[in-house]
C-alpha cells in the first residue's frame, strides 16, 4: 500500500516495497488490493519481494512496520523509520475493517512524508 500511495501521489516509481518474510511471491494481498480499489487505486503488478541488505543500502529512506522478523540491518540503519502500523496479515481476528484502517493510516503517513520532503 505504501508503495502505491507514494508512487501515485508523487507521480513517480521511486518507492519500492519488500517484506522481512515475503510470503506472497507473485502479488500483493487480495484484501489489500480490495481496499485499495475502494479508493480508486490498484496494486496490480506489485509483488511481495524479500527484503535484502542491498535494498536498504540503495534506499534513501526505509520505512518499516513492527515485526519480530525485521533484520538488524534495517532496525539499526540510520535510514530506517519505524511506523507503528499493524500488518493485517498477522491480525488474529482480521476483518476488512482492519485492512481499511491500515490503508487509511498508511495513506496519512505517506502524505505527511511527502509534505516533509
PDB file of N, CA and C in Angstrom:
ATOM      1  N   UNK A   1       0.820  -1.193   0.000  1.00  0.00           N
ATOM      2  CA  UNK A   1       0.000   0.000   0.000  1.00  0.00           C
ATOM      3  C   UNK A   1       0.864   1.258   0.000  1.00  0.00           C
ATOM      4  N   UNK A   2       1.896   1.261   0.822  1.00  0.00           N
ATOM      5  CA  UNK A   2       2.755   2.444   0.920  1.00  0.00           C
ATOM      6  C   UNK A   2       3.407   2.744  -0.422  1.00  0.00           C
ATOM      7  N   UNK A   3       3.880   1.713  -1.099  1.00  0.00           N
ATOM      8  CA  UNK A   3       4.489   1.896  -2.415  1.00  0.00           C
ATOM      9  C   UNK A   3       3.497   2.521  -3.385  1.00  0.00           C
ATOM     10  N   UNK A   4       2.292   2.000  -3.416  1.00  0.00           N
ATOM     11  CA  UNK A   4       1.268   2.526  -4.320  1.00  0.00           C
ATOM     12  C   UNK A   4       0.932   3.970  -3.995  1.00  0.00           C
ATOM     13  N   UNK A   5       0.706   4.271  -2.723  1.00  0.00           N
ATOM     14  CA  UNK A   5       0.392   5.650  -2.349  1.00  0.00           C
ATOM     15  C   UNK A   5       1.524   6.594  -2.738  1.00  0.00           C
ATOM     16  N   UNK A   6       2.749   6.259  -2.368  1.00  0.00           N
ATOM     17  CA  UNK A   6       3.871   7.157  -2.643  1.00  0.00           C
ATOM     18  C   UNK A   6       4.025   7.388  -4.147  1.00  0.00           C
ATOM     19  N   UNK A   7       4.048   6.328  -4.911  1.00  0.00           N
ATOM     20  CA  UNK A   7       4.256   6.475  -6.347  1.00  0.00           C
ATOM     21  C   UNK A   7       3.092   7.172  -7.035  1.00  0.00           C
ATOM     22  N   UNK A   8       1.879   6.972  -6.547  1.00  0.00           N
ATOM     23  CA  UNK A   8       0.719   7.667  -7.111  1.00  0.00           C
ATOM     24  C   UNK A   8       0.772   9.149  -6.786  1.00  0.00           C
ATOM     25  N   UNK A   9       1.001   9.489  -5.531  1.00  0.00           N
ATOM     26  CA  UNK A   9       0.996  10.891  -5.105  1.00  0.00           C
ATOM     27  C   UNK A   9       2.154  11.687  -5.691  1.00  0.00           C
ATOM     28  N   UNK A  10       3.298  11.043  -5.914  1.00  0.00           N
ATOM     29  CA  UNK A  10       4.466  11.750  -6.449  1.00  0.00           C
ATOM     30  C   UNK A  10       4.590  11.585  -7.962  1.00  0.00           C
ATOM     31  N   UNK A  11       3.692  10.816  -8.544  1.00  0.00           N
ATOM     32  CA  UNK A  11       3.744  10.521  -9.975  1.00  0.00           C
ATOM     33  C   UNK A  11       5.140  10.018 -10.361  1.00  0.00           C
ATOM     34  N   UNK A  12       5.618   9.068  -9.572  1.00  0.00           N
ATOM     35  CA  UNK A  12       6.954   8.515  -9.782  1.00  0.00           C
ATOM     36  C   UNK A  12       6.908   6.997  -9.646  1.00  0.00           C
ATOM     37  N   UNK A  13       8.068   6.422  -9.760  1.00  0.00           N
ATOM     38  CA  UNK A  13       8.249   4.992  -9.478  1.00  0.00           C
ATOM     39  C   UNK A  13       9.404   4.842  -8.497  1.00  0.00           C
ATOM     40  N   UNK A  14       9.560   5.836  -7.637  1.00  0.00           N
ATOM     41  CA  UNK A  14      10.691   5.876  -6.714  1.00  0.00           C
ATOM     42  C   UNK A  14      10.569   4.891  -5.559  1.00  0.00           C
ATOM     43  N   UNK A  15       9.357   4.626  -5.114  1.00  0.00           N
ATOM     44  CA  UNK A  15       9.166   3.755  -3.949  1.00  0.00           C
ATOM     45  C   UNK A  15       9.077   2.296  -4.375  1.00  0.00           C
ATOM     46  N   UNK A  16       9.682   1.452  -3.574  1.00  0.00           N
ATOM     47  CA  UNK A  16       9.535   0.010  -3.730  1.00  0.00           C
ATOM     48  C   UNK A  16       9.188  -0.558  -2.358  1.00  0.00           C
ATOM     49  N   UNK A  17       8.701  -1.764  -2.348  1.00  0.00           N
ATOM     50  CA  UNK A  17       8.368  -2.383  -1.067  1.00  0.00           C
ATOM     51  C   UNK A  17       8.882  -3.813  -1.051  1.00  0.00           C
ATOM     52  N   UNK A  18       9.123  -4.281   0.150  1.00  0.00           N
ATOM     53  CA  UNK A  18       9.603  -5.647   0.342  1.00  0.00           C
ATOM     54  C   UNK A  18       9.243  -6.071   1.758  1.00  0.00           C
ATOM     55  N   UNK A  19       9.299  -7.349   2.005  1.00  0.00           N
ATOM     56  CA  UNK A  19       8.940  -7.856   3.321  1.00  0.00           C
ATOM     57  C   UNK A  19      10.088  -8.567   4.004  1.00  0.00           C
ATOM     58  N   UNK A  20      10.080  -8.517   5.330  1.00  0.00           N
ATOM     59  CA  UNK A  20      11.078  -9.239   6.116  1.00  0.00           C
ATOM     60  C   UNK A  20      10.953 -10.738   5.869  1.00  0.00           C
ATOM     61  N   UNK A  21       9.726 -11.180   5.693  1.00  0.00           N
ATOM     62  CA  UNK A  21       9.451 -12.561   5.290  1.00  0.00           C
ATOM     63  C   UNK A  21       8.403 -12.472   4.188  1.00  0.00           C
ATOM     64  N   UNK A  22       8.845 -12.457   2.954  1.00  0.00           N
ATOM     65  CA  UNK A  22       7.928 -12.324   1.825  1.00  0.00           C
ATOM     66  C   UNK A  22       7.255 -13.667   1.582  1.00  0.00           C
ATOM     67  N   UNK A  23       5.940 -13.694   1.760  1.00  0.00           N
ATOM     68  CA  UNK A  23       5.209 -14.952   1.609  1.00  0.00           C
ATOM     69  C   UNK A  23       4.348 -14.990   0.358  1.00  0.00           C
ATOM     70  N   UNK A  24       4.010 -13.840  -0.188  1.00  0.00           N
ATOM     71  CA  UNK A  24       3.167 -13.792  -1.386  1.00  0.00           C
ATOM     72  C   UNK A  24       4.074 -13.495  -2.572  1.00  0.00           C
ATOM     73  N   UNK A  25       4.695 -14.496  -3.102  1.00  0.00           N
ATOM     74  CA  UNK A  25       5.756 -14.316  -4.080  1.00  0.00           C
ATOM     75  C   UNK A  25       5.306 -13.617  -5.367  1.00  0.00           C
ATOM     76  N   UNK A  26       4.061 -13.699  -5.720  1.00  0.00           N
ATOM     77  CA  UNK A  26       3.665 -13.182  -7.018  1.00  0.00           C
ATOM     78  C   UNK A  26       2.779 -11.949  -6.993  1.00  0.00           C
ATOM     79  N   UNK A  27       2.234 -11.598  -5.844  1.00  0.00           N
ATOM     80  CA  UNK A  27       1.301 -10.474  -5.857  1.00  0.00           C
ATOM     81  C   UNK A  27       1.079  -9.928  -4.456  1.00  0.00           C
ATOM     82  N   UNK A  28       0.531  -8.727  -4.430  1.00  0.00           N
ATOM     83  CA  UNK A  28       0.124  -8.141  -3.151  1.00  0.00           C
ATOM     84  C   UNK A  28      -1.079  -8.928  -2.630  1.00  0.00           C
ATOM     85  N   UNK A  29      -1.409  -8.737  -1.370  1.00  0.00           N
ATOM     86  CA  UNK A  29      -2.517  -9.498  -0.793  1.00  0.00           C
ATOM     87  C   UNK A  29      -3.842  -9.135  -1.459  1.00  0.00           C
ATOM     88  N   UNK A  30      -4.704 -10.119  -1.559  1.00  0.00           N
ATOM     89  CA  UNK A  30      -6.016  -9.921  -2.185  1.00  0.00           C
ATOM     90  C   UNK A  30      -6.833  -8.883  -1.418  1.00  0.00           C
ATOM     91  N   UNK A  31      -6.796  -8.951  -0.096  1.00  0.00           N
ATOM     92  CA  UNK A  31      -7.559  -7.994   0.706  1.00  0.00           C
ATOM     93  C   UNK A  31      -6.986  -6.586   0.584  1.00  0.00           C
ATOM     94  N   UNK A  32      -5.671  -6.488   0.532  1.00  0.00           N
ATOM     95  CA  UNK A  32      -5.038  -5.188   0.321  1.00  0.00           C
ATOM     96  C   UNK A  32      -5.465  -4.585  -1.004  1.00  0.00           C
ATOM     97  N   UNK A  33      -5.484  -5.390  -2.033  1.00  0.00           N
ATOM     98  CA  UNK A  33      -5.923  -4.922  -3.351  1.00  0.00           C
ATOM     99  C   UNK A  33      -7.385  -4.482  -3.296  1.00  0.00           C
ATOM    100  N   UNK A  34      -8.215  -5.223  -2.587  1.00  0.00           N
ATOM    101  CA  UNK A  34      -9.635  -4.876  -2.473  1.00  0.00           C
ATOM    102  C   UNK A  34      -9.826  -3.503  -1.846  1.00  0.00           C
ATOM    103  N   UNK A  35      -9.157  -3.240  -0.724  1.00  0.00           N
ATOM    104  CA  UNK A  35      -9.368  -1.956  -0.048  1.00  0.00           C
ATOM    105  C   UNK A  35      -8.732  -0.802  -0.815  1.00  0.00           C
ATOM    106  N   UNK A  36      -7.701  -1.065  -1.585  1.00  0.00           N
ATOM    107  CA  UNK A  36      -7.127  -0.004  -2.420  1.00  0.00           C
ATOM    108  C   UNK A  36      -8.072   0.315  -3.582  1.00  0.00           C
ATOM    109  N   UNK A  37      -8.684  -0.699  -4.166  1.00  0.00           N
ATOM    110  CA  UNK A  37      -9.645  -0.470  -5.249  1.00  0.00           C
ATOM    111  C   UNK A  37     -10.831   0.360  -4.768  1.00  0.00           C
ATOM    112  N   UNK A  38     -11.193   0.222  -3.496  1.00  0.00           N
ATOM    113  CA  UNK A  38     -12.301   1.007  -2.943  1.00  0.00           C
ATOM    114  C   UNK A  38     -12.048   2.505  -3.055  1.00  0.00           C
ATOM    115  N   UNK A  39     -10.788   2.913  -3.090  1.00  0.00           N
ATOM    116  CA  UNK A  39     -10.462   4.339  -3.196  1.00  0.00           C
ATOM    117  C   UNK A  39      -9.845   4.674  -4.559  1.00  0.00           C
ATOM    118  N   UNK A  40     -10.048   3.782  -5.521  1.00  0.00           N
ATOM    119  CA  UNK A  40      -9.649   4.060  -6.892  1.00  0.00           C
ATOM    120  C   UNK A  40      -8.190   3.791  -7.228  1.00  0.00           C
ATOM    121  N   UNK A  41      -7.491   3.035  -6.398  1.00  0.00           N
ATOM    122  CA  UNK A  41      -6.090   2.705  -6.666  1.00  0.00           C
ATOM    123  C   UNK A  41      -5.935   1.200  -6.823  1.00  0.00           C
ATOM    124  N   UNK A  42      -4.872   0.804  -7.477  1.00  0.00           N
ATOM    125  CA  UNK A  42      -4.612  -0.622  -7.651  1.00  0.00           C
ATOM    126  C   UNK A  42      -3.163  -0.939  -7.317  1.00  0.00           C
ATOM    127  N   UNK A  43      -2.967  -2.120  -6.814  1.00  0.00           N
ATOM    128  CA  UNK A  43      -1.619  -2.621  -6.564  1.00  0.00           C
ATOM    129  C   UNK A  43      -1.262  -3.698  -7.584  1.00  0.00           C
ATOM    130  N   UNK A  44      -2.004  -3.751  -8.677  1.00  0.00           N
ATOM    131  CA  UNK A  44      -1.740  -4.731  -9.728  1.00  0.00           C
ATOM    132  C   UNK A  44      -0.300  -4.569 -10.207  1.00  0.00           C
ATOM    133  N   UNK A  45       0.349  -5.663 -10.382  1.00  0.00           N
ATOM    134  CA  UNK A  45       1.735  -5.633 -10.831  1.00  0.00           C
ATOM    135  C   UNK A  45       2.740  -5.614  -9.696  1.00  0.00           C
ATOM    136  N   UNK A  46       2.285  -5.294  -8.494  1.00  0.00           N
ATOM    137  CA  UNK A  46       3.190  -5.332  -7.347  1.00  0.00           C
ATOM    138  C   UNK A  46       3.318  -6.758  -6.862  1.00  0.00           C
ATOM    139  N   UNK A  47       4.503  -7.107  -6.440  1.00  0.00           N
ATOM    140  CA  UNK A  47       4.697  -8.431  -5.863  1.00  0.00           C
ATOM    141  C   UNK A  47       5.420  -8.285  -4.545  1.00  0.00           C
ATOM    142  N   UNK A  48       5.359  -9.304  -3.766  1.00  0.00           N
ATOM    143  CA  UNK A  48       5.978  -9.294  -2.450  1.00  0.00           C
ATOM    144  C   UNK A  48       7.411  -9.802  -2.571  1.00  0.00           C
ATOM    145  N   UNK A  49       8.368  -8.868  -2.567  1.00  0.00           N
ATOM    146  CA  UNK A  49       9.775  -9.236  -2.664  1.00  0.00           C
ATOM    147  C   UNK A  49      10.377  -9.434  -1.282  1.00  0.00           C
ATOM    148  N   UNK A  50      11.382 -10.273  -1.215  1.00  0.00           N
ATOM    149  CA  UNK A  50      12.124 -10.477   0.020  1.00  0.00           C
ATOM    150  C   UNK A  50      13.082  -9.301   0.222  1.00  0.00           C
ATOM    151  N   UNK A  51      13.037  -8.681   1.384  1.00  0.00           N
ATOM    152  CA  UNK A  51      13.925  -7.578   1.729  1.00  0.00           C
ATOM    153  C   UNK A  51      15.370  -8.063   1.794  1.00  0.00           C
ATOM    154  N   UNK A  52      16.289  -7.229   1.274  1.00  0.00           N
ATOM    155  CA  UNK A  52      17.708  -7.578   1.309  1.00  0.00           C
ATOM    156  C   UNK A  52      18.529  -6.398   1.818  1.00  0.00           C
ATOM    157  N   UNK A  53      19.724  -6.694   2.252  1.00  0.00           N
ATOM    158  CA  UNK A  53      20.672  -5.659   2.672  1.00  0.00           C
ATOM    159  C   UNK A  53      20.935  -4.689   1.519  1.00  0.00           C
ATOM    160  N   UNK A  54      21.027  -5.198   0.305  1.00  0.00           N
ATOM    161  CA  UNK A  54      21.293  -4.362  -0.861  1.00  0.00           C
ATOM    162  C   UNK A  54      20.176  -3.346  -1.079  1.00  0.00           C
ATOM    163  N   UNK A  55      18.933  -3.745  -0.847  1.00  0.00           N
ATOM    164  CA  UNK A  55      17.807  -2.815  -0.979  1.00  0.00           C
ATOM    165  C   UNK A  55      17.940  -1.671   0.020  1.00  0.00           C
ATOM    166  N   UNK A  56      18.272  -2.003   1.246  1.00  0.00           N
ATOM    167  CA  UNK A  56      18.429  -0.985   2.285  1.00  0.00           C
ATOM    168  C   UNK A  56      19.582  -0.060   1.929  1.00  0.00           C
ATOM    169  N   UNK A  57      20.688  -0.618   1.475  1.00  0.00           N
ATOM    170  CA  UNK A  57      21.846   0.192   1.099  1.00  0.00           C
ATOM    171  C   UNK A  57      21.510   1.170  -0.021  1.00  0.00           C
ATOM    172  N   UNK A  58      20.677   0.749  -0.971  1.00  0.00           N
ATOM    173  CA  UNK A  58      20.344   1.578  -2.126  1.00  0.00           C
ATOM    174  C   UNK A  58      19.258   2.613  -1.837  1.00  0.00           C
ATOM    175  N   UNK A  59      18.529   2.448  -0.754  1.00  0.00           N
ATOM    176  CA  UNK A  59      17.383   3.322  -0.451  1.00  0.00           C
ATOM    177  C   UNK A  59      17.825   4.650   0.151  1.00  0.00           C
ATOM    178  N   UNK A  60      17.021   5.684  -0.111  1.00  0.00           N
ATOM    179  CA  UNK A  60      17.205   6.972   0.562  1.00  0.00           C
ATOM    180  C   UNK A  60      16.603   6.922   1.961  1.00  0.00           C
ATOM    181  N   UNK A  61      15.481   6.229   2.072  1.00  0.00           N
ATOM    182  CA  UNK A  61      14.768   6.100   3.344  1.00  0.00           C
ATOM    183  C   UNK A  61      14.119   4.723   3.371  1.00  0.00           C
ATOM    184  N   UNK A  62      14.068   4.141   4.558  1.00  0.00           N
ATOM    185  CA  UNK A  62      13.424   2.842   4.736  1.00  0.00           C
ATOM    186  C   UNK A  62      12.383   2.993   5.833  1.00  0.00           C
ATOM    187  N   UNK A  63      11.138   2.763   5.469  1.00  0.00           N
ATOM    188  CA  UNK A  63      10.049   2.778   6.440  1.00  0.00           C
ATOM    189  C   UNK A  63       9.712   1.324   6.731  1.00  0.00           C
ATOM    190  N   UNK A  64       9.615   1.001   8.010  1.00  0.00           N
ATOM    191  CA  UNK A  64       9.288  -0.383   8.353  1.00  0.00           C
ATOM    192  C   UNK A  64       8.207  -0.436   9.411  1.00  0.00           C
ATOM    193  N   UNK A  65       7.537  -1.567   9.441  1.00  0.00           N
ATOM    194  CA  UNK A  65       6.422  -1.792  10.335  1.00  0.00           C
ATOM    195  C   UNK A  65       6.829  -2.814  11.393  1.00  0.00           C
ATOM    196  N   UNK A  66       6.220  -2.771  12.567  1.00  0.00           N
ATOM    197  CA  UNK A  66       6.618  -3.671  13.652  1.00  0.00           C
ATOM    198  C   UNK A  66       6.482  -5.143  13.266  1.00  0.00           C
ATOM    199  N   UNK A  67       7.547  -5.855  13.419  1.00  0.00           N
ATOM    200  CA  UNK A  67       7.551  -7.297  13.221  1.00  0.00           C
ATOM    201  C   UNK A  67       8.765  -7.868  13.940  1.00  0.00           C
ATOM    202  N   UNK A  68       8.620  -9.013  14.548  1.00  0.00           N
ATOM    203  CA  UNK A  68       9.778  -9.622  15.200  1.00  0.00           C
ATOM    204  C   UNK A  68      10.787 -10.171  14.191  1.00  0.00           C
ATOM    205  N   UNK A  69      10.429 -10.169  12.918  1.00  0.00           N
ATOM    206  CA  UNK A  69      11.267 -10.764  11.888  1.00  0.00           C
ATOM    207  C   UNK A  69      12.158  -9.757  11.167  1.00  0.00           C
ATOM    208  N   UNK A  70      12.065  -8.468  11.515  1.00  0.00           N
ATOM    209  CA  UNK A  70      12.831  -7.459  10.791  1.00  0.00           C
ATOM    210  C   UNK A  70      14.323  -7.626  11.076  1.00  0.00           C
ATOM    211  N   UNK A  71      15.134  -7.729  10.034  1.00  0.00           N
ATOM    212  CA  UNK A  71      16.571  -7.917  10.240  1.00  0.00           C
ATOM    213  C   UNK A  71      17.236  -6.680  10.852  1.00  0.00           C
ATOM    214  N   UNK A  72      18.313  -6.902  11.559  1.00  0.00           N
ATOM    215  CA  UNK A  72      19.008  -5.798  12.231  1.00  0.00           C
ATOM    216  C   UNK A  72      19.582  -4.795  11.247  1.00  0.00           C
ATOM    217  N   UNK A  73      19.869  -5.203  10.010  1.00  0.00           N
ATOM    218  CA  UNK A  73      20.370  -4.228   9.040  1.00  0.00           C
ATOM    219  C   UNK A  73      19.312  -3.182   8.695  1.00  0.00           C
ATOM    220  N   UNK A  74      18.064  -3.442   9.037  1.00  0.00           N
ATOM    221  CA  UNK A  74      17.014  -2.423   8.916  1.00  0.00           C
ATOM    222  C   UNK A  74      16.867  -1.676  10.232  1.00  0.00           C
ATOM    223  N   UNK A  75      16.654  -2.405  11.291  1.00  0.00           N
ATOM    224  CA  UNK A  75      16.345  -1.763  12.574  1.00  0.00           C
ATOM    225  C   UNK A  75      17.462  -0.859  13.066  1.00  0.00           C
ATOM    226  N   UNK A  76      18.690  -1.138  12.667  1.00  0.00           N
ATOM    227  CA  UNK A  76      19.829  -0.330  13.109  1.00  0.00           C
ATOM    228  C   UNK A  76      20.297   0.681  12.065  1.00  0.00           C
ATOM    229  N   UNK A  77      19.627   0.731  10.937  1.00  0.00           N
ATOM    230  CA  UNK A  77      20.029   1.644   9.867  1.00  0.00           C
ATOM    231  C   UNK A  77      19.611   3.077  10.184  1.00  0.00           C
ATOM    232  N   UNK A  78      20.497   4.025   9.908  1.00  0.00           N
ATOM    233  CA  UNK A  78      20.160   5.439  10.085  1.00  0.00           C
ATOM    234  C   UNK A  78      19.085   5.881   9.093  1.00  0.00           C
ATOM    235  N   UNK A  79      18.861   5.102   8.057  1.00  0.00           N
ATOM    236  CA  UNK A  79      17.844   5.420   7.051  1.00  0.00           C
ATOM    237  C   UNK A  79      16.449   4.965   7.471  1.00  0.00           C
ATOM    238  N   UNK A  80      16.376   4.142   8.493  1.00  0.00           N
ATOM    239  CA  UNK A  80      15.127   3.466   8.844  1.00  0.00           C
ATOM    240  C   UNK A  80      14.271   4.269   9.804  1.00  0.00           C
ATOM    241  N   UNK A  81      12.976   4.218   9.549  1.00  0.00           N
ATOM    242  CA  UNK A  81      11.982   4.843  10.429  1.00  0.00           C
ATOM    243  C   UNK A  81      10.878   3.828  10.695  1.00  0.00           C
ATOM    244  N   UNK A  82      10.637   3.550  11.959  1.00  0.00           N
ATOM    245  CA  UNK A  82       9.582   2.616  12.353  1.00  0.00           C
ATOM    246  C   UNK A  82       8.240   3.329  12.349  1.00  0.00           C
ATOM    247  N   UNK A  83       7.289   2.776  11.624  1.00  0.00           N
ATOM    248  CA  UNK A  83       5.911   3.254  11.647  1.00  0.00           C
ATOM    249  C   UNK A  83       5.101   2.212  12.406  1.00  0.00           C
ATOM    250  N   UNK A  84       4.493   2.620  13.485  1.00  0.00           N
ATOM    251  CA  UNK A  84       3.712   1.705  14.309  1.00  0.00           C
ATOM    252  C   UNK A  84       2.335   1.493  13.678  1.00  0.00           C
ATOM    253  N   UNK A  85       2.331   0.715  12.613  1.00  0.00           N
ATOM    254  CA  UNK A  85       1.114   0.394  11.868  1.00  0.00           C
ATOM    255  C   UNK A  85       1.016  -1.128  11.819  1.00  0.00           C
ATOM    256  N   UNK A  86      -0.132  -1.645  12.164  1.00  0.00           N
ATOM    257  CA  UNK A  86      -0.322  -3.098  12.186  1.00  0.00           C
ATOM    258  C   UNK A  86      -0.238  -3.678  10.782  1.00  0.00           C
ATOM    259  N   UNK A  87       0.271  -4.872  10.685  1.00  0.00           N
ATOM    260  CA  UNK A  87       0.237  -5.621   9.434  1.00  0.00           C
ATOM    261  C   UNK A  87      -0.988  -6.521   9.506  1.00  0.00           C
ATOM    262  N   UNK A  88      -2.007  -6.254   8.684  1.00  0.00           N
ATOM    263  CA  UNK A  88      -3.245  -7.040   8.760  1.00  0.00           C
ATOM    264  C   UNK A  88      -3.012  -8.543   8.599  1.00  0.00           C
ATOM    265  N   UNK A  89      -1.961  -8.901   7.902  1.00  0.00           N
ATOM    266  CA  UNK A  89      -1.652 -10.318   7.679  1.00  0.00           C
ATOM    267  C   UNK A  89      -1.471 -11.064   9.004  1.00  0.00           C
ATOM    268  N   UNK A  90      -0.980 -10.364  10.020  1.00  0.00           N
ATOM    269  CA  UNK A  90      -0.707 -11.008  11.304  1.00  0.00           C
ATOM    270  C   UNK A  90      -1.823 -10.818  12.330  1.00  0.00           C
ATOM    271  N   UNK A  91      -2.898 -10.144  11.956  1.00  0.00           N
ATOM    272  CA  UNK A  91      -4.004  -9.917  12.888  1.00  0.00           C
ATOM    273  C   UNK A  91      -4.807 -11.200  13.062  1.00  0.00           C
ATOM    274  N   UNK A  92      -5.008 -11.592  14.300  1.00  0.00           N
ATOM    275  CA  UNK A  92      -5.701 -12.850  14.586  1.00  0.00           C
ATOM    276  C   UNK A  92      -7.152 -12.823  14.110  1.00  0.00           C
ATOM    277  N   UNK A  93      -7.865 -11.755  14.395  1.00  0.00           N
ATOM    278  CA  UNK A  93      -9.277 -11.633  14.016  1.00  0.00           C
ATOM    279  C   UNK A  93      -9.413 -10.644  12.867  1.00  0.00           C
ATOM    280  N   UNK A  94      -8.714 -10.909  11.807  1.00  0.00           N
ATOM    281  CA  UNK A  94      -8.641  -9.992  10.671  1.00  0.00           C
ATOM    282  C   UNK A  94     -10.002  -9.821  10.006  1.00  0.00           C
ATOM    283  N   UNK A  95     -10.354  -8.557   9.827  1.00  0.00           N
ATOM    284  CA  UNK A  95     -11.572  -8.204   9.105  1.00  0.00           C
ATOM    285  C   UNK A  95     -11.214  -7.171   8.049  1.00  0.00           C
ATOM    286  N   UNK A  96     -12.114  -6.950   7.127  1.00  0.00           N
ATOM    287  CA  UNK A  96     -11.890  -5.943   6.089  1.00  0.00           C
ATOM    288  C   UNK A  96     -11.755  -4.553   6.708  1.00  0.00           C
ATOM    289  N   UNK A  97     -12.420  -4.335   7.850  1.00  0.00           N
ATOM    290  CA  UNK A  97     -12.316  -3.043   8.533  1.00  0.00           C
ATOM    291  C   UNK A  97     -10.889  -2.785   9.012  1.00  0.00           C
ATOM    292  N   UNK A  98     -10.197  -3.828   9.452  1.00  0.00           N
ATOM    293  CA  UNK A  98      -8.791  -3.679   9.854  1.00  0.00           C
ATOM    294  C   UNK A  98      -7.955  -3.273   8.650  1.00  0.00           C
ATOM    295  N   UNK A  99      -8.186  -3.912   7.517  1.00  0.00           N
ATOM    296  CA  UNK A  99      -7.444  -3.560   6.304  1.00  0.00           C
ATOM    297  C   UNK A  99      -7.717  -2.111   5.898  1.00  0.00           C
ATOM    298  N   UNK A 100      -8.954  -1.680   6.021  1.00  0.00           N
ATOM    299  CA  UNK A 100      -9.285  -0.284   5.688  1.00  0.00           C
ATOM    300  C   UNK A 100      -8.588   0.692   6.627  1.00  0.00           C
ATOM    301  N   UNK A 101      -8.589   0.382   7.914  1.00  0.00           N
ATOM    302  CA  UNK A 101      -7.934   1.260   8.891  1.00  0.00           C
ATOM    303  C   UNK A 101      -6.435   1.347   8.619  1.00  0.00           C
ATOM    304  N   UNK A 102      -5.816   0.230   8.297  1.00  0.00           N
ATOM    305  CA  UNK A 102      -4.388   0.222   7.968  1.00  0.00           C
ATOM    306  C   UNK A 102      -4.148   1.036   6.702  1.00  0.00           C
ATOM    307  N   UNK A 103      -4.974   0.844   5.693  1.00  0.00           N
ATOM    308  CA  UNK A 103      -4.858   1.624   4.451  1.00  0.00           C
ATOM    309  C   UNK A 103      -4.913   3.112   4.742  1.00  0.00           C
ATOM    310  N   UNK A 104      -5.878   3.529   5.534  1.00  0.00           N
ATOM    311  CA  UNK A 104      -6.052   4.952   5.832  1.00  0.00           C
ATOM    312  C   UNK A 104      -4.879   5.515   6.627  1.00  0.00           C
ATOM    313  N   UNK A 105      -4.344   4.728   7.544  1.00  0.00           N
ATOM    314  CA  UNK A 105      -3.188   5.171   8.336  1.00  0.00           C
ATOM    315  C   UNK A 105      -1.943   5.293   7.458  1.00  0.00           C
ATOM    316  N   UNK A 106      -1.725   4.327   6.594  1.00  0.00           N
ATOM    317  CA  UNK A 106      -0.568   4.390   5.697  1.00  0.00           C
ATOM    318  C   UNK A 106      -0.701   5.581   4.756  1.00  0.00           C
ATOM    319  N   UNK A 107      -1.886   5.814   4.228  1.00  0.00           N
ATOM    320  CA  UNK A 107      -2.114   6.965   3.342  1.00  0.00           C
ATOM    321  C   UNK A 107      -1.762   8.262   4.052  1.00  0.00           C
ATOM    322  N   UNK A 108      -2.227   8.418   5.269  1.00  0.00           N
ATOM    323  CA  UNK A 108      -1.959   9.628   6.054  1.00  0.00           C
ATOM    324  C   UNK A 108      -0.454   9.811   6.271  1.00  0.00           C
ATOM    325  N   UNK A 109       0.227   8.749   6.591  1.00  0.00           N
ATOM    326  CA  UNK A 109       1.670   8.834   6.854  1.00  0.00           C
ATOM    327  C   UNK A 109       2.464   9.122   5.581  1.00  0.00           C
ATOM    328  N   UNK A 110       2.040   8.563   4.472  1.00  0.00           N
ATOM    329  CA  UNK A 110       2.717   8.844   3.200  1.00  0.00           C
ATOM    330  C   UNK A 110       2.521  10.307   2.818  1.00  0.00           C
ATOM    331  N   UNK A 111       1.313  10.823   2.985  1.00  0.00           N
ATOM    332  CA  UNK A 111       1.069  12.243   2.694  1.00  0.00           C
ATOM    333  C   UNK A 111       1.968  13.130   3.551  1.00  0.00           C
ATOM    334  N   UNK A 112       2.108  12.802   4.813  1.00  0.00           N
ATOM    335  CA  UNK A 112       2.970  13.572   5.710  1.00  0.00           C
ATOM    336  C   UNK A 112       4.435  13.460   5.282  1.00  0.00           C
ATOM    337  N   UNK A 113       4.871  12.267   4.939  1.00  0.00           N
ATOM    338  CA  UNK A 113       6.240  12.052   4.482  1.00  0.00           C
ATOM    339  C   UNK A 113       6.546  12.909   3.255  1.00  0.00           C
ATOM    340  N   UNK A 114       5.635  12.942   2.317  1.00  0.00           N
ATOM    341  CA  UNK A 114       5.825  13.739   1.102  1.00  0.00           C
ATOM    342  C   UNK A 114       5.850  15.223   1.441  1.00  0.00           C
ATOM    343  N   UNK A 115       4.944  15.667   2.297  1.00  0.00           N
ATOM    344  CA  UNK A 115       4.894  17.079   2.696  1.00  0.00           C
ATOM    345  C   UNK A 115       6.175  17.531   3.383  1.00  0.00           C
ATOM    346  N   UNK A 116       6.802  16.636   4.143  1.00  0.00           N
ATOM    347  CA  UNK A 116       8.010  16.984   4.891  1.00  0.00           C
ATOM    348  C   UNK A 116       9.258  17.004   4.018  1.00  0.00           C
ATOM    349  N   UNK A 117       9.172  16.461   2.833  1.00  0.00           N
ATOM    350  CA  UNK A 117      10.351  16.381   1.954  1.00  0.00           C
ATOM    351  C   UNK A 117      10.212  17.211   0.710  1.00  0.00           C
TER     352      UNK A 117
END
